[in-house]
């Protein structure tokens, strides 16, 4: 039986693009464009996974727990925290690379992938939300520099050269960033 996926995004072009990621042999994809259509679909049909635009869902508890991805034009703290409480699989901006959506969908339960473009937003969120356990958990200025360069997809060697530090030091900074921001080694957000 094919996996039933609902794609709920206002833009028809974006929905079609996402639909093309799922082979018809293994997925049954349903596209919806309004909040009412999504609500009706979730209340009346069995759904295995939902990819939803943040603007189309008010009640995140309607989504299948741990089996949804939220896509936003702009990140929203309240939506994000509610989604995390409902075990979101991915939180992305609409400009995310399609392969990250597929990775998040296939992630182990309890893992949350997020758009690399949101790294600084997450840093701010954690520092403002009171979830930081101590003053040590805020990123140092050097760690922020390393994180910014990582977001540009620079290698460890390139970062070391640019910052005039050793590759070992870059690796230590990356390790500390992962710890402080609660990332697993694969880039997913630990709960």
N, C-alpha and C. Protein backbone atom coordinates (compact mmCIF):
# COMPACT_ATOMS: atom_id res chain seq x y z
N UNK A 1 0.84 -1.18 0.00
CA UNK A 1 0.00 0.00 0.00
C UNK A 1 0.89 1.25 0.00
N UNK A 2 0.61 2.20 -0.88
CA UNK A 2 1.45 3.40 -0.95
C UNK A 2 1.31 4.27 0.31
N UNK A 3 2.38 5.00 0.59
CA UNK A 3 2.38 5.96 1.69
C UNK A 3 1.52 7.16 1.27
N UNK A 4 0.56 7.52 2.12
CA UNK A 4 -0.35 8.62 1.81
C UNK A 4 0.23 9.93 2.33
N UNK A 5 0.57 10.83 1.41
CA UNK A 5 1.18 12.12 1.74
C UNK A 5 0.25 13.24 1.31
N UNK A 6 0.03 14.18 2.22
CA UNK A 6 -0.73 15.38 1.89
C UNK A 6 0.26 16.54 1.81
N UNK A 7 0.18 17.27 0.71
CA UNK A 7 1.00 18.48 0.54
C UNK A 7 0.04 19.66 0.56
N UNK A 8 0.15 20.46 1.61
CA UNK A 8 -0.75 21.60 1.81
C UNK A 8 0.06 22.90 1.76
N UNK A 9 0.11 23.47 0.58
CA UNK A 9 0.88 24.69 0.33
C UNK A 9 0.00 25.58 -0.55
N UNK A 10 -0.07 26.88 -0.27
CA UNK A 10 -0.93 27.75 -1.09
C UNK A 10 -0.52 27.82 -2.57
N UNK A 11 0.76 27.74 -2.88
CA UNK A 11 1.24 27.90 -4.25
C UNK A 11 1.14 26.58 -5.04
N UNK A 12 0.41 26.63 -6.15
CA UNK A 12 0.24 25.44 -6.99
C UNK A 12 1.59 24.97 -7.55
N UNK A 13 2.43 25.89 -7.95
CA UNK A 13 3.73 25.52 -8.51
C UNK A 13 4.58 24.83 -7.45
N UNK A 14 4.59 25.35 -6.24
CA UNK A 14 5.36 24.76 -5.15
C UNK A 14 4.82 23.36 -4.82
N UNK A 15 3.48 23.22 -4.78
CA UNK A 15 2.88 21.90 -4.51
C UNK A 15 3.28 20.89 -5.58
N UNK A 16 3.21 21.30 -6.83
CA UNK A 16 3.58 20.39 -7.94
C UNK A 16 5.05 19.99 -7.84
N UNK A 17 5.90 20.95 -7.50
CA UNK A 17 7.32 20.65 -7.34
C UNK A 17 7.56 19.64 -6.24
N UNK A 18 6.89 19.82 -5.11
CA UNK A 18 7.03 18.86 -4.01
C UNK A 18 6.47 17.50 -4.40
N UNK A 19 5.33 17.50 -5.09
CA UNK A 19 4.72 16.23 -5.50
C UNK A 19 5.66 15.42 -6.37
N UNK A 20 6.46 16.10 -7.17
CA UNK A 20 7.36 15.40 -8.08
C UNK A 20 8.48 14.65 -7.34
N UNK A 21 8.67 14.92 -6.05
CA UNK A 21 9.68 14.23 -5.27
C UNK A 21 9.27 12.80 -4.90
N UNK A 22 7.99 12.49 -5.06
CA UNK A 22 7.46 11.23 -4.57
C UNK A 22 7.00 10.33 -5.71
N UNK A 23 7.71 9.21 -5.93
CA UNK A 23 7.33 8.29 -7.02
C UNK A 23 5.93 7.71 -6.79
N UNK A 24 5.14 7.67 -7.86
CA UNK A 24 3.76 7.20 -7.76
C UNK A 24 3.69 5.72 -7.39
N UNK A 25 4.77 4.97 -7.59
CA UNK A 25 4.76 3.55 -7.24
C UNK A 25 4.71 3.33 -5.72
N UNK A 26 5.26 4.27 -4.96
CA UNK A 26 5.33 4.08 -3.51
C UNK A 26 4.60 5.15 -2.70
N UNK A 27 4.10 6.20 -3.36
CA UNK A 27 3.42 7.28 -2.65
C UNK A 27 2.11 7.63 -3.33
N UNK A 28 1.13 7.93 -2.51
CA UNK A 28 -0.12 8.49 -2.99
C UNK A 28 -0.16 9.92 -2.47
N UNK A 29 -0.02 10.90 -3.36
CA UNK A 29 0.09 12.29 -2.95
C UNK A 29 -1.22 13.02 -3.22
N UNK A 30 -1.68 13.73 -2.22
CA UNK A 30 -2.86 14.57 -2.35
C UNK A 30 -2.43 16.01 -2.10
N UNK A 31 -2.80 16.90 -3.00
CA UNK A 31 -2.46 18.31 -2.85
C UNK A 31 -3.69 19.09 -2.40
N UNK A 32 -3.49 19.96 -1.41
CA UNK A 32 -4.56 20.87 -0.98
C UNK A 32 -3.99 22.28 -0.90
N UNK A 33 -4.88 23.28 -1.14
CA UNK A 33 -4.38 24.65 -1.19
C UNK A 33 -4.95 25.57 -0.14
N UNK A 34 -5.95 25.11 0.61
CA UNK A 34 -6.54 25.99 1.63
C UNK A 34 -6.53 25.31 2.99
N UNK A 35 -6.64 26.13 4.01
CA UNK A 35 -6.70 25.62 5.38
C UNK A 35 -7.92 24.72 5.57
N UNK A 36 -9.07 25.12 5.02
CA UNK A 36 -10.30 24.31 5.17
C UNK A 36 -10.15 22.95 4.49
N UNK A 37 -9.55 22.93 3.29
CA UNK A 37 -9.33 21.66 2.59
C UNK A 37 -8.42 20.74 3.41
N UNK A 38 -7.38 21.32 4.00
CA UNK A 38 -6.46 20.53 4.81
C UNK A 38 -7.17 19.98 6.04
N UNK A 39 -7.91 20.83 6.73
CA UNK A 39 -8.63 20.40 7.94
C UNK A 39 -9.61 19.27 7.60
N UNK A 40 -10.37 19.43 6.51
CA UNK A 40 -11.30 18.37 6.09
C UNK A 40 -10.57 17.07 5.80
N UNK A 41 -9.46 17.15 5.08
CA UNK A 41 -8.68 15.96 4.72
C UNK A 41 -8.18 15.24 5.98
N UNK A 42 -7.65 16.01 6.93
CA UNK A 42 -7.10 15.41 8.15
C UNK A 42 -8.18 14.80 9.04
N UNK A 43 -9.37 15.36 9.00
CA UNK A 43 -10.46 14.85 9.85
C UNK A 43 -11.19 13.67 9.24
N UNK A 44 -11.13 13.53 7.91
CA UNK A 44 -11.93 12.49 7.27
C UNK A 44 -11.13 11.33 6.67
N UNK A 45 -9.82 11.51 6.50
CA UNK A 45 -9.04 10.46 5.85
C UNK A 45 -7.82 10.09 6.68
N UNK A 46 -7.36 8.87 6.47
CA UNK A 46 -6.13 8.42 7.09
C UNK A 46 -4.96 8.93 6.27
N UNK A 47 -4.03 9.62 6.94
CA UNK A 47 -2.89 10.24 6.27
C UNK A 47 -1.62 9.76 6.96
N UNK A 48 -0.60 9.41 6.17
CA UNK A 48 0.67 8.94 6.74
C UNK A 48 1.65 10.08 7.03
N UNK A 49 1.62 11.12 6.20
CA UNK A 49 2.59 12.21 6.37
C UNK A 49 2.02 13.47 5.75
N UNK A 50 2.35 14.63 6.36
CA UNK A 50 1.87 15.91 5.85
C UNK A 50 3.04 16.88 5.71
N UNK A 51 3.09 17.54 4.58
CA UNK A 51 4.01 18.66 4.36
C UNK A 51 3.11 19.88 4.24
N UNK A 52 3.25 20.80 5.19
CA UNK A 52 2.27 21.88 5.28
C UNK A 52 2.94 23.25 5.38
N UNK A 53 2.35 24.20 4.67
CA UNK A 53 2.77 25.58 4.80
C UNK A 53 2.26 26.13 6.12
N UNK A 54 3.11 26.82 6.83
CA UNK A 54 2.76 27.34 8.15
C UNK A 54 1.47 28.18 8.12
N UNK A 55 1.22 28.85 7.00
CA UNK A 55 0.04 29.71 6.90
C UNK A 55 -1.26 28.92 6.77
N UNK A 56 -1.18 27.62 6.52
CA UNK A 56 -2.39 26.81 6.32
C UNK A 56 -2.79 25.98 7.52
N UNK A 57 -2.11 26.13 8.64
CA UNK A 57 -2.47 25.33 9.81
C UNK A 57 -2.49 26.20 11.05
N UNK A 58 -3.63 26.21 11.70
CA UNK A 58 -3.73 26.94 12.98
C UNK A 58 -3.59 25.98 14.15
N UNK A 59 -4.17 24.79 13.99
CA UNK A 59 -4.16 23.81 15.07
C UNK A 59 -3.21 22.67 14.69
N UNK A 60 -1.98 22.77 15.16
CA UNK A 60 -0.96 21.78 14.81
C UNK A 60 -1.32 20.39 15.33
N UNK A 61 -2.14 20.32 16.36
CA UNK A 61 -2.52 19.01 16.90
C UNK A 61 -3.35 18.20 15.91
N UNK A 62 -3.87 18.81 14.86
CA UNK A 62 -4.59 18.06 13.82
C UNK A 62 -3.64 17.23 12.96
N UNK A 63 -2.38 17.62 12.92
CA UNK A 63 -1.39 16.92 12.10
C UNK A 63 -0.99 15.60 12.76
N UNK A 64 -0.63 14.59 11.96
CA UNK A 64 -0.21 13.32 12.55
C UNK A 64 1.08 13.51 13.36
N UNK A 65 1.02 13.19 14.62
CA UNK A 65 2.15 13.43 15.53
C UNK A 65 3.42 12.75 15.02
N UNK A 66 4.48 13.58 14.89
CA UNK A 66 5.77 13.07 14.45
C UNK A 66 5.87 12.76 12.98
N UNK A 67 4.83 13.10 12.22
CA UNK A 67 4.80 12.75 10.80
C UNK A 67 4.39 13.95 9.95
N UNK A 68 5.07 15.06 10.21
CA UNK A 68 4.77 16.25 9.42
C UNK A 68 6.00 17.15 9.34
N UNK A 69 6.00 17.96 8.29
CA UNK A 69 7.03 18.97 8.06
C UNK A 69 6.32 20.30 7.91
N UNK A 70 6.86 21.32 8.55
CA UNK A 70 6.30 22.66 8.48
C UNK A 70 7.19 23.53 7.61
N UNK A 71 6.60 24.22 6.65
CA UNK A 71 7.35 25.10 5.75
C UNK A 71 6.83 26.52 5.95
N UNK A 72 7.76 27.44 6.18
CA UNK A 72 7.39 28.81 6.49
C UNK A 72 8.05 29.81 5.54
N UNK A 73 7.37 30.92 5.32
CA UNK A 73 8.02 32.03 4.60
C UNK A 73 8.97 32.75 5.52
N UNK A 74 8.53 32.91 6.77
CA UNK A 74 9.33 33.52 7.83
C UNK A 74 9.19 32.63 9.06
N UNK A 75 10.25 32.42 9.80
CA UNK A 75 10.13 31.58 11.00
C UNK A 75 9.26 32.25 12.05
N UNK A 76 8.54 31.46 12.80
CA UNK A 76 7.65 31.96 13.84
C UNK A 76 7.89 31.14 15.10
N UNK A 77 8.27 31.81 16.18
CA UNK A 77 8.62 31.15 17.43
C UNK A 77 7.47 30.29 17.96
N UNK A 78 6.27 30.85 18.02
CA UNK A 78 5.13 30.13 18.58
C UNK A 78 4.82 28.87 17.77
N UNK A 79 4.76 29.02 16.44
CA UNK A 79 4.50 27.85 15.59
C UNK A 79 5.59 26.81 15.76
N UNK A 80 6.84 27.27 15.76
CA UNK A 80 7.95 26.32 15.87
C UNK A 80 7.87 25.55 17.18
N UNK A 81 7.68 26.24 18.30
CA UNK A 81 7.64 25.56 19.60
C UNK A 81 6.45 24.61 19.70
N UNK A 82 5.32 25.02 19.15
CA UNK A 82 4.15 24.12 19.14
C UNK A 82 4.43 22.90 18.26
N UNK A 83 5.09 23.13 17.14
CA UNK A 83 5.42 22.01 16.24
C UNK A 83 6.40 21.05 16.90
N UNK A 84 7.39 21.58 17.61
CA UNK A 84 8.36 20.72 18.31
C UNK A 84 7.63 19.89 19.37
N UNK A 85 6.70 20.50 20.07
CA UNK A 85 5.93 19.75 21.08
C UNK A 85 5.13 18.63 20.43
N UNK A 86 4.78 18.80 19.16
CA UNK A 86 4.01 17.78 18.43
C UNK A 86 4.93 16.91 17.56
N UNK A 87 6.24 16.98 17.85
CA UNK A 87 7.27 16.14 17.24
C UNK A 87 7.39 16.35 15.73
N UNK A 88 7.54 17.59 15.31
CA UNK A 88 7.74 17.93 13.91
C UNK A 88 8.99 17.23 13.36
N UNK A 89 8.96 16.81 12.13
CA UNK A 89 10.09 16.14 11.50
C UNK A 89 11.04 17.13 10.82
N UNK A 90 10.48 18.30 10.41
CA UNK A 90 11.31 19.30 9.77
C UNK A 90 10.67 20.67 9.83
N UNK A 91 11.50 21.69 9.97
CA UNK A 91 11.03 23.08 9.97
C UNK A 91 11.90 23.83 8.98
N UNK A 92 11.30 24.26 7.87
CA UNK A 92 12.06 24.82 6.76
C UNK A 92 11.46 26.12 6.26
N UNK A 93 12.33 26.93 5.68
CA UNK A 93 11.86 28.07 4.91
C UNK A 93 11.43 27.56 3.54
N UNK A 94 10.60 28.34 2.85
CA UNK A 94 10.10 27.89 1.55
C UNK A 94 11.21 27.77 0.50
N UNK A 95 12.37 28.34 0.77
CA UNK A 95 13.49 28.27 -0.17
C UNK A 95 14.39 27.05 0.05
N UNK A 96 13.99 26.13 0.92
CA UNK A 96 14.82 24.98 1.27
C UNK A 96 15.08 24.08 0.06
N UNK A 97 16.22 23.43 0.07
CA UNK A 97 16.55 22.46 -0.96
C UNK A 97 15.63 21.24 -0.82
N UNK A 98 15.06 20.75 -1.91
CA UNK A 98 14.11 19.63 -1.84
C UNK A 98 14.67 18.39 -1.15
N UNK A 99 15.97 18.13 -1.33
CA UNK A 99 16.54 16.92 -0.72
C UNK A 99 16.48 16.96 0.81
N UNK A 100 16.48 18.15 1.41
CA UNK A 100 16.34 18.24 2.87
C UNK A 100 14.94 17.84 3.32
N UNK A 101 13.95 18.15 2.51
CA UNK A 101 12.58 17.74 2.83
C UNK A 101 12.49 16.22 2.82
N UNK A 102 13.08 15.60 1.82
CA UNK A 102 13.07 14.14 1.72
C UNK A 102 13.83 13.53 2.90
N UNK A 103 15.00 14.09 3.23
CA UNK A 103 15.77 13.59 4.38
C UNK A 103 14.96 13.67 5.67
N UNK A 104 14.30 14.80 5.87
CA UNK A 104 13.51 14.97 7.10
C UNK A 104 12.36 13.97 7.15
N UNK A 105 11.74 13.76 6.02
CA UNK A 105 10.62 12.82 5.97
C UNK A 105 11.08 11.41 6.31
N UNK A 106 12.30 11.06 5.90
CA UNK A 106 12.84 9.73 6.15
C UNK A 106 13.62 9.62 7.46
N UNK A 107 13.67 10.70 8.23
CA UNK A 107 14.44 10.71 9.47
C UNK A 107 13.84 9.77 10.50
N UNK A 108 14.69 9.38 11.43
CA UNK A 108 14.21 8.55 12.53
C UNK A 108 13.21 9.34 13.36
N UNK A 109 12.22 8.68 13.92
CA UNK A 109 11.27 9.39 14.78
C UNK A 109 12.00 10.13 15.91
N UNK A 110 11.51 11.32 16.21
CA UNK A 110 12.10 12.11 17.28
C UNK A 110 13.18 13.06 16.81
N UNK A 111 13.58 12.97 15.54
CA UNK A 111 14.58 13.90 15.00
C UNK A 111 13.87 15.01 14.25
N UNK A 112 14.40 16.20 14.37
CA UNK A 112 13.83 17.35 13.68
C UNK A 112 14.92 18.00 12.84
N UNK A 113 14.73 17.99 11.54
CA UNK A 113 15.66 18.68 10.65
C UNK A 113 15.18 20.11 10.50
N UNK A 114 16.12 21.01 10.25
CA UNK A 114 15.70 22.37 9.98
C UNK A 114 16.57 22.99 8.91
N UNK A 115 16.04 24.02 8.34
CA UNK A 115 16.72 24.72 7.26
C UNK A 115 18.01 25.33 7.78
N UNK A 116 19.15 25.04 7.15
CA UNK A 116 20.42 25.65 7.60
C UNK A 116 20.36 27.18 7.63
N UNK A 117 19.51 27.77 6.80
CA UNK A 117 19.38 29.23 6.79
C UNK A 117 18.80 29.75 8.10
N UNK A 118 18.26 28.87 8.93
CA UNK A 118 17.65 29.28 10.20
C UNK A 118 18.60 29.16 11.39
N UNK A 119 19.86 28.83 11.17
CA UNK A 119 20.79 28.60 12.29
C UNK A 119 20.88 29.79 13.23
N UNK A 120 21.03 30.99 12.71
CA UNK A 120 21.13 32.14 13.60
C UNK A 120 19.80 32.42 14.28
N UNK A 121 18.69 32.16 13.59
CA UNK A 121 17.37 32.32 14.20
C UNK A 121 17.23 31.36 15.39
N UNK A 122 17.68 30.11 15.23
CA UNK A 122 17.63 29.15 16.32
C UNK A 122 18.50 29.58 17.50
N UNK A 123 19.65 30.13 17.19
CA UNK A 123 20.53 30.62 18.25
C UNK A 123 19.82 31.69 19.07
N UNK A 124 19.20 32.63 18.38
CA UNK A 124 18.45 33.69 19.07
C UNK A 124 17.28 33.10 19.85
N UNK A 125 16.57 32.17 19.24
CA UNK A 125 15.42 31.55 19.89
C UNK A 125 15.83 30.88 21.19
N UNK A 126 16.89 30.10 21.15
CA UNK A 126 17.34 29.40 22.35
C UNK A 126 17.83 30.36 23.42
N UNK A 127 18.51 31.41 23.01
CA UNK A 127 19.03 32.34 24.01
C UNK A 127 17.92 33.18 24.63
N UNK A 128 16.83 33.41 23.90
CA UNK A 128 15.74 34.23 24.41
C UNK A 128 14.66 33.41 25.10
N UNK A 129 14.62 32.12 24.85
CA UNK A 129 13.50 31.31 25.33
C UNK A 129 13.67 30.78 26.74
N UNK A 130 14.85 30.97 27.30
CA UNK A 130 15.06 30.42 28.63
C UNK A 130 15.42 28.95 28.60
N UNK A 131 15.55 28.39 27.40
CA UNK A 131 15.91 26.98 27.31
C UNK A 131 17.40 26.76 27.50
N UNK A 132 18.16 27.83 27.46
CA UNK A 132 19.59 27.70 27.72
C UNK A 132 19.77 27.33 29.18
N UNK A 133 20.65 26.38 29.43
CA UNK A 133 20.82 25.90 30.79
C UNK A 133 21.75 26.78 31.62
N UNK A 134 22.61 27.52 30.96
CA UNK A 134 23.53 28.39 31.68
C UNK A 134 24.09 29.42 30.73
N UNK A 135 24.85 30.35 31.26
CA UNK A 135 25.46 31.35 30.40
C UNK A 135 26.46 30.71 29.44
N UNK A 136 26.98 29.52 29.79
CA UNK A 136 27.94 28.84 28.92
C UNK A 136 27.32 28.42 27.60
N UNK A 137 25.99 28.26 27.54
CA UNK A 137 25.40 27.67 26.35
C UNK A 137 25.23 28.66 25.21
N UNK A 138 25.43 29.94 25.44
CA UNK A 138 25.38 30.89 24.34
C UNK A 138 26.64 30.72 23.49
N UNK A 139 26.49 30.86 22.18
CA UNK A 139 27.65 30.70 21.31
C UNK A 139 28.63 31.86 21.50
N UNK A 140 29.90 31.52 21.50
CA UNK A 140 30.93 32.55 21.56
C UNK A 140 30.98 33.25 20.20
N UNK A 141 31.66 34.38 20.14
CA UNK A 141 31.75 35.09 18.87
C UNK A 141 32.48 34.24 17.83
N UNK A 142 33.49 33.49 18.24
CA UNK A 142 34.23 32.62 17.32
C UNK A 142 33.32 31.50 16.82
N UNK A 143 32.52 30.91 17.72
CA UNK A 143 31.59 29.86 17.31
C UNK A 143 30.55 30.41 16.33
N UNK A 144 30.12 31.65 16.54
CA UNK A 144 29.18 32.27 15.61
C UNK A 144 29.83 32.46 14.23
N UNK A 145 31.12 32.82 14.22
CA UNK A 145 31.84 32.95 12.95
C UNK A 145 31.91 31.60 12.23
N UNK A 146 32.26 30.56 12.98
CA UNK A 146 32.35 29.22 12.39
C UNK A 146 30.98 28.78 11.86
N UNK A 147 29.94 29.01 12.64
CA UNK A 147 28.59 28.65 12.21
C UNK A 147 28.21 29.38 10.93
N UNK A 148 28.51 30.65 10.85
CA UNK A 148 28.19 31.43 9.64
C UNK A 148 28.93 30.87 8.42
N UNK A 149 30.17 30.47 8.60
CA UNK A 149 30.94 29.90 7.49
C UNK A 149 30.43 28.50 7.12
N UNK A 150 30.00 27.74 8.12
CA UNK A 150 29.41 26.42 7.86
C UNK A 150 28.14 26.57 7.04
N UNK A 151 27.37 27.62 7.34
CA UNK A 151 26.13 27.87 6.60
C UNK A 151 26.43 28.16 5.13
N UNK A 152 27.64 28.64 4.84
CA UNK A 152 28.05 28.90 3.47
C UNK A 152 28.63 27.64 2.82
N UNK A 153 28.54 26.53 3.54
CA UNK A 153 29.00 25.22 3.07
C UNK A 153 30.50 25.16 2.83
N UNK A 154 31.26 25.91 3.63
CA UNK A 154 32.72 25.83 3.54
C UNK A 154 33.20 24.59 4.26
N UNK A 155 34.27 24.01 3.79
CA UNK A 155 34.85 22.84 4.44
C UNK A 155 35.59 23.26 5.70
N UNK A 156 35.94 22.29 6.52
CA UNK A 156 36.73 22.56 7.72
C UNK A 156 38.04 23.24 7.36
N UNK A 157 38.68 22.75 6.32
CA UNK A 157 39.96 23.33 5.88
C UNK A 157 39.78 24.79 5.44
N UNK A 158 38.72 25.07 4.69
CA UNK A 158 38.47 26.44 4.22
C UNK A 158 38.18 27.38 5.39
N UNK A 159 37.42 26.90 6.36
CA UNK A 159 37.11 27.72 7.54
C UNK A 159 38.39 28.01 8.32
N UNK A 160 39.20 26.98 8.50
CA UNK A 160 40.47 27.15 9.23
C UNK A 160 41.35 28.20 8.55
N UNK A 161 41.44 28.13 7.24
CA UNK A 161 42.27 29.09 6.50
C UNK A 161 41.71 30.50 6.62
N UNK A 162 40.40 30.62 6.51
CA UNK A 162 39.79 31.95 6.56
C UNK A 162 39.92 32.59 7.93
N UNK A 163 39.83 31.76 9.00
CA UNK A 163 39.89 32.31 10.36
C UNK A 163 41.30 32.25 10.96
N UNK A 164 42.25 31.70 10.20
CA UNK A 164 43.64 31.59 10.65
C UNK A 164 43.75 30.77 11.94
N UNK A 165 43.05 29.62 11.93
CA UNK A 165 43.11 28.68 13.06
C UNK A 165 43.32 27.29 12.49
N UNK A 166 43.62 26.32 13.34
CA UNK A 166 43.85 24.96 12.85
C UNK A 166 42.52 24.26 12.56
N UNK A 167 42.60 23.21 11.73
CA UNK A 167 41.41 22.41 11.44
C UNK A 167 40.88 21.75 12.71
N UNK A 168 41.78 21.35 13.59
CA UNK A 168 41.37 20.75 14.87
C UNK A 168 40.55 21.73 15.68
N UNK A 169 40.95 22.99 15.69
CA UNK A 169 40.20 24.01 16.42
C UNK A 169 38.82 24.21 15.81
N UNK A 170 38.74 24.21 14.48
CA UNK A 170 37.44 24.33 13.81
C UNK A 170 36.54 23.18 14.23
N UNK A 171 37.09 21.97 14.23
CA UNK A 171 36.30 20.79 14.62
C UNK A 171 35.81 20.91 16.06
N UNK A 172 36.65 21.45 16.95
CA UNK A 172 36.22 21.65 18.34
C UNK A 172 35.09 22.66 18.42
N UNK A 173 35.21 23.75 17.64
CA UNK A 173 34.13 24.74 17.62
C UNK A 173 32.83 24.12 17.11
N UNK A 174 32.91 23.34 16.05
CA UNK A 174 31.72 22.68 15.49
C UNK A 174 31.11 21.75 16.53
N UNK A 175 31.94 21.02 17.24
CA UNK A 175 31.45 20.13 18.30
C UNK A 175 30.70 20.93 19.37
N UNK A 176 31.28 22.05 19.80
CA UNK A 176 30.63 22.89 20.82
C UNK A 176 29.32 23.49 20.30
N UNK A 177 29.31 23.89 19.04
CA UNK A 177 28.08 24.44 18.44
C UNK A 177 26.98 23.39 18.47
N UNK A 178 27.34 22.17 18.06
CA UNK A 178 26.35 21.08 18.06
C UNK A 178 25.80 20.82 19.46
N UNK A 179 26.68 20.84 20.45
CA UNK A 179 26.24 20.63 21.83
C UNK A 179 25.32 21.74 22.29
N UNK A 180 25.74 22.97 22.06
CA UNK A 180 24.98 24.12 22.55
C UNK A 180 23.64 24.29 21.84
N UNK A 181 23.60 23.96 20.56
CA UNK A 181 22.36 24.11 19.80
C UNK A 181 21.57 22.81 19.71
N UNK A 182 22.08 21.79 20.40
CA UNK A 182 21.38 20.50 20.48
C UNK A 182 21.24 19.83 19.12
N UNK A 183 22.32 19.81 18.33
CA UNK A 183 22.34 19.13 17.05
C UNK A 183 22.93 17.75 17.22
N UNK A 184 22.40 16.77 16.48
CA UNK A 184 23.07 15.49 16.33
C UNK A 184 24.18 15.68 15.30
N UNK A 185 25.04 14.71 15.17
CA UNK A 185 26.15 14.81 14.21
C UNK A 185 25.65 14.87 12.78
N UNK A 186 24.44 14.39 12.50
CA UNK A 186 23.92 14.44 11.14
C UNK A 186 23.22 15.76 10.80
N UNK A 187 23.23 16.70 11.75
CA UNK A 187 22.63 18.02 11.49
C UNK A 187 21.21 18.15 11.95
N UNK A 188 20.61 17.07 12.46
CA UNK A 188 19.24 17.18 12.96
C UNK A 188 19.26 17.74 14.38
N UNK A 189 18.14 18.28 14.77
CA UNK A 189 18.02 18.93 16.08
C UNK A 189 17.60 17.89 17.11
N UNK A 190 18.40 17.73 18.16
CA UNK A 190 18.07 16.77 19.20
C UNK A 190 16.97 17.35 20.06
N UNK A 191 16.08 16.50 20.50
CA UNK A 191 14.98 16.93 21.37
C UNK A 191 15.36 16.77 22.81
